[in-house]
Amino acid sequence: QVLSLPIVVIVHGNQDNNAKATVLWDNAFSEIERVPFVVAERVPWEKMCDTLNLKFMAEVQTTKGLLKEHYFFLAQKIFNDHSASLEDFQSRNVSWAQFNKEILPGRGFTFWQWFDGVLDLTKRCLKSYWSDRLIIGFISKQYVCKLLSTEPDGTFLLRFSDSEIGGVTIAYVIRGKDGSSQVENIQPFSAKDLSIRSLGDRIRDLGQLRNLYPNTPKDQAFGSHYNSERGELG
């Protein structure tokens, strides 16, 4: 006899996401000497952070893992709590229901479905950008507004979409003649969009984008990701 990794049998492709969640939870949180199929219903958030980080690096095949500020954003998302501190979250437990059963507030998907979409998009289209630390990614729209509102006109950053599964969006600041600022968010790009035209080339195309937050000229930050057909746009 030999113990295998957990196996989930599905009958349709639309069950794949839930199957991956089950395997991940079982792999990460089951005890070696457990009763078969018994897995903890709640696990420490810190262990969940380690698991998400290992999964992200393995899937994307990058050495650049998640950062402390990424974990803070993910904790706010999974616990639906924007008032707690980073330290508060470290002492909490997260449940299977919060991970892949309960629909996120105002959305039509679970936390895992959203995170798995980010994994797939990054693996397929954004690996080099992530590895070069050009994408903050895990950051809320509200916090982006706070960061960019005091920055010069055309300062931008990249974050994963909150409203769509598997989307990356560009937030940038527009400063009026009176000095007032407004932060705009470009419609999220999906893997299909980025297979047609790469993220680097789309950034080059958009003339309103000037400096990657906090102050790196976009051609300096993304120049190595531009395709050789150097159009006149941007």
Protein backbone atom coordinates (compact mmCIF):
# COMPACT_ATOMS: atom_id res chain seq x y z
CA GLN A 1 0.00 0.00 0.00
CA VAL A 2 1.04 3.58 -0.59
CA LEU A 3 -0.66 6.86 0.16
CA SER A 4 -1.44 8.94 -2.92
CA LEU A 5 -1.99 12.63 -3.22
CA PRO A 6 -5.71 13.50 -2.93
CA ILE A 7 -7.80 12.77 -6.01
CA VAL A 8 -11.08 14.42 -6.97
CA VAL A 9 -13.22 12.88 -9.71
CA ILE A 10 -15.28 15.35 -11.73
CA VAL A 11 -17.83 14.86 -14.50
CA HIS A 12 -17.67 18.29 -16.11
CA GLY A 13 -15.04 20.95 -16.71
CA ASN A 14 -17.01 23.53 -14.71
CA GLN A 15 -16.21 21.49 -11.58
CA ASP A 16 -12.47 21.85 -12.12
CA ASN A 17 -12.13 24.97 -9.99
CA ASN A 18 -13.83 23.41 -6.97
CA ALA A 19 -11.81 20.23 -7.42
CA LYS A 20 -8.54 22.21 -7.35
CA ALA A 21 -9.68 23.97 -4.18
CA THR A 22 -10.44 20.64 -2.50
CA VAL A 23 -7.05 19.18 -3.45
CA LEU A 24 -5.21 22.32 -2.31
CA TRP A 25 -6.98 22.40 1.06
CA ASP A 26 -6.41 18.67 1.62
CA ASN A 27 -2.74 18.82 0.62
CA ALA A 28 -2.00 21.83 2.76
CA PHE A 29 -3.99 21.21 5.92
CA SER A 30 -4.58 17.48 6.45
CA GLU A 31 -2.65 15.68 9.18
CA ILE A 32 -0.39 12.80 8.12
CA GLU A 33 -1.87 10.34 10.66
CA ARG A 34 -5.45 11.44 10.06
CA VAL A 35 -8.63 9.46 9.68
CA PRO A 36 -9.16 9.17 5.89
CA PHE A 37 -10.84 12.20 4.32
CA VAL A 38 -10.85 14.18 7.58
CA VAL A 39 -9.48 17.70 7.11
CA ALA A 40 -9.68 20.71 9.43
CA GLU A 41 -12.66 22.96 8.76
CA ARG A 42 -10.72 26.03 9.96
CA VAL A 43 -6.99 26.77 9.69
CA PRO A 44 -4.75 29.63 10.87
CA TRP A 45 -4.59 32.54 8.44
CA GLU A 46 -0.79 32.45 8.60
CA LYS A 47 -0.81 28.86 7.28
CA MET A 48 -3.20 29.92 4.54
CA CYS A 49 -0.78 32.72 3.55
CA ASP A 50 2.07 30.22 3.25
CA THR A 51 -0.12 27.93 1.16
CA LEU A 52 -1.26 30.68 -1.22
CA ASN A 53 2.32 31.88 -1.63
CA LEU A 54 3.66 28.40 -2.42
CA LYS A 55 0.79 27.79 -4.84
CA PHE A 56 1.36 31.12 -6.58
CA MET A 57 5.10 30.60 -7.05
CA ALA A 58 4.64 27.00 -8.21
CA GLU A 59 1.87 27.78 -10.71
CA VAL A 60 3.44 30.94 -12.13
CA GLN A 61 6.94 29.42 -11.94
CA THR A 62 8.47 32.51 -10.38
CA THR A 63 10.84 33.10 -7.50
CA LYS A 64 9.02 36.31 -6.58
CA GLY A 65 6.42 35.40 -3.99
CA LEU A 66 3.67 37.33 -2.24
CA LEU A 67 4.62 40.22 0.03
CA LYS A 68 3.30 41.32 3.42
CA GLU A 69 1.08 43.97 1.86
CA HIS A 70 -0.36 41.35 -0.52
CA TYR A 71 -1.35 39.17 2.44
CA PHE A 72 -3.03 42.17 4.07
CA PHE A 73 -5.16 42.77 0.98
CA LEU A 74 -6.05 39.07 0.70
CA ALA A 75 -7.03 38.98 4.40
CA GLN A 76 -9.31 41.98 3.95
CA LYS A 77 -10.90 40.20 1.00
CA ILE A 78 -11.44 36.76 2.51
CA PHE A 79 -12.61 38.05 5.91
CA ASN A 80 -14.57 40.99 4.43
CA ASP A 81 -12.98 43.23 7.05
CA HIS A 82 -11.37 46.56 6.17
CA SER A 83 -10.94 47.84 9.72
CA ALA A 84 -8.58 45.21 11.16
CA SER A 85 -4.80 45.61 11.20
CA LEU A 86 -2.27 43.21 9.70
CA GLU A 87 -1.52 41.95 13.22
CA ASP A 88 -5.22 41.33 13.91
CA PHE A 89 -5.48 39.02 10.92
CA GLN A 90 -2.45 36.97 11.96
CA SER A 91 -4.32 35.59 14.96
CA ARG A 92 -7.44 34.60 13.00
CA ASN A 93 -8.56 31.30 11.54
CA VAL A 94 -10.03 31.02 8.05
CA SER A 95 -12.70 28.47 7.20
CA TRP A 96 -13.28 26.28 4.17
CA ALA A 97 -16.53 28.18 3.63
CA GLN A 98 -14.68 31.52 3.49
CA PHE A 99 -12.11 30.00 1.15
CA ASN A 100 -14.37 28.37 -1.42
CA LYS A 101 -18.03 28.28 -0.43
CA GLU A 102 -19.23 31.75 0.45
CA ILE A 103 -19.68 34.24 -2.40
CA LEU A 104 -17.64 37.41 -1.95
CA PRO A 105 -19.81 40.47 -1.11
CA GLY A 106 -21.24 42.03 -4.23
CA ARG A 107 -19.65 39.41 -6.50
CA GLY A 108 -20.69 36.15 -8.12
CA PHE A 109 -17.67 34.08 -7.12
CA THR A 110 -15.75 32.78 -4.12
CA PHE A 111 -12.36 33.87 -2.84
CA TRP A 112 -10.65 30.82 -4.35
CA GLN A 113 -12.35 31.25 -7.73
CA TRP A 114 -11.03 34.82 -7.80
CA PHE A 115 -7.52 33.83 -6.67
CA ASP A 116 -7.36 30.94 -9.12
CA GLY A 117 -8.29 33.35 -11.92
CA VAL A 118 -5.37 35.58 -10.90
CA LEU A 119 -3.08 32.53 -10.93
CA ASP A 120 -4.17 31.51 -14.41
CA LEU A 121 -3.85 35.02 -15.85
CA THR A 122 -0.41 35.58 -14.32
CA LYS A 123 0.86 32.18 -15.44
CA ARG A 124 -0.34 32.66 -19.01
CA CYS A 125 0.31 36.34 -19.65
CA LEU A 126 2.03 38.20 -16.81
CA LYS A 127 4.85 36.00 -15.51
CA SER A 128 7.70 38.24 -16.65
CA TYR A 129 5.96 41.42 -15.46
CA TRP A 130 5.30 39.90 -12.04
CA SER A 131 8.84 38.57 -11.76
CA ASP A 132 10.17 42.05 -12.58
CA ARG A 133 7.92 43.46 -9.81
CA LEU A 134 6.07 45.70 -12.27
CA ILE A 135 2.65 44.58 -10.99
CA ILE A 136 1.45 45.36 -7.47
CA GLY A 137 -1.59 43.24 -8.27
CA PHE A 138 -3.04 42.50 -4.85
CA ILE A 139 -4.24 45.94 -3.85
CA SER A 140 -7.69 47.47 -3.41
CA LYS A 141 -9.14 50.15 -5.63
CA GLN A 142 -9.62 52.37 -2.56
CA TYR A 143 -5.97 52.10 -1.53
CA VAL A 144 -4.85 52.76 -5.12
CA CYS A 145 -6.77 56.04 -5.02
CA LYS A 146 -5.01 56.97 -1.79
CA LEU A 147 -1.58 56.17 -3.28
CA LEU A 148 -2.07 57.92 -6.60
CA SER A 149 -4.08 60.99 -5.58
CA THR A 150 -0.95 62.94 -4.56
CA GLU A 151 1.18 61.77 -7.50
CA PRO A 152 1.97 63.69 -10.73
CA ASP A 153 -0.30 63.45 -13.75
CA GLY A 154 0.10 60.14 -15.62
CA THR A 155 1.42 58.09 -12.68
CA PHE A 156 -0.02 54.58 -12.89
CA LEU A 157 0.09 51.11 -11.38
CA LEU A 158 -1.31 47.68 -12.17
CA ARG A 159 -3.69 45.71 -10.00
CA PHE A 160 -5.79 42.58 -10.35
CA SER A 161 -9.46 43.28 -10.99
CA ASP A 162 -11.83 42.93 -8.03
CA SER A 163 -14.95 42.66 -10.16
CA GLU A 164 -13.81 40.16 -12.80
CA ILE A 165 -12.13 36.77 -12.54
CA GLY A 166 -8.76 36.76 -14.29
CA GLY A 167 -8.40 40.43 -15.13
CA VAL A 168 -5.65 43.01 -14.68
CA THR A 169 -6.39 46.72 -14.77
CA ILE A 170 -4.37 49.91 -14.97
CA ALA A 171 -5.12 52.74 -12.55
CA TYR A 172 -3.70 56.18 -13.36
CA VAL A 173 -4.03 59.71 -12.11
CA ILE A 174 -5.27 62.70 -14.08
CA ARG A 175 -4.49 66.10 -12.59
CA GLY A 176 -6.59 69.06 -13.67
CA LYS A 177 -5.35 72.60 -14.30
CA ASP A 178 -6.61 73.56 -10.85
CA GLY A 179 -4.40 70.89 -9.29
CA SER A 180 -7.24 68.55 -8.41
CA SER A 181 -6.63 64.86 -9.10
CA GLN A 182 -8.81 62.06 -10.35
CA VAL A 183 -7.88 58.37 -10.46
CA GLU A 184 -9.18 56.45 -13.47
CA ASN A 185 -9.28 52.67 -13.93
CA ILE A 186 -9.00 51.16 -17.40
CA GLN A 187 -11.36 48.28 -18.26
CA PRO A 188 -9.62 45.08 -17.08
CA PHE A 189 -7.64 43.06 -19.62
CA SER A 190 -8.28 39.31 -19.72
CA ALA A 191 -5.93 36.57 -20.88
CA LYS A 192 -7.70 36.65 -24.25
CA ASP A 193 -7.08 40.40 -24.56
CA LEU A 194 -3.40 40.01 -23.68
CA SER A 195 -2.96 37.15 -26.15
CA ILE A 196 -4.01 39.57 -28.90
CA ARG A 197 -1.76 42.41 -27.73
CA SER A 198 0.65 42.14 -24.83
CA LEU A 199 0.40 44.19 -21.66
CA GLY A 200 3.68 45.97 -22.42
CA ASP A 201 2.51 47.07 -25.85
CA ARG A 202 -0.85 48.19 -24.47
CA ILE A 203 0.94 50.33 -21.90
CA ARG A 204 3.14 51.79 -24.63
CA ASP A 205 0.01 52.57 -26.68
CA LEU A 206 -1.65 54.56 -23.90
CA GLY A 207 -0.26 58.07 -24.04
CA GLN A 208 -1.86 59.12 -20.76
CA LEU A 209 0.44 56.69 -18.89
CA ARG A 210 3.79 58.26 -18.04
CA ASN A 211 5.42 56.91 -14.87
CA LEU A 212 5.01 53.59 -13.10
CA TYR A 213 4.33 54.29 -9.42
CA PRO A 214 6.14 55.75 -7.66
CA ASN A 215 8.35 57.46 -10.27
CA THR A 216 9.80 55.16 -12.95
CA PRO A 217 9.31 56.34 -16.57
CA LYS A 218 7.16 53.75 -18.32
CA ASP A 219 9.64 53.15 -21.14
CA GLN A 220 12.32 52.43 -18.57
CA ALA A 221 10.05 50.08 -16.61
CA PHE A 222 8.40 48.26 -19.52
CA GLY A 223 10.83 48.81 -22.41
CA SER A 224 12.18 45.27 -22.27
CA HIS A 225 8.58 43.99 -22.60
CA TYR A 226 7.76 45.97 -25.75
CA ASN A 227 7.63 44.03 -28.99
CA SER A 228 10.11 45.12 -31.65
CA GLU A 229 7.44 46.60 -33.91
CA ARG A 230 7.83 49.96 -32.29
CA GLY A 231 4.76 51.95 -33.39
CA GLU A 232 4.39 55.65 -33.02
CA LEU A 233 1.72 55.30 -30.31
CA GLY A 234 2.45 56.26 -26.70
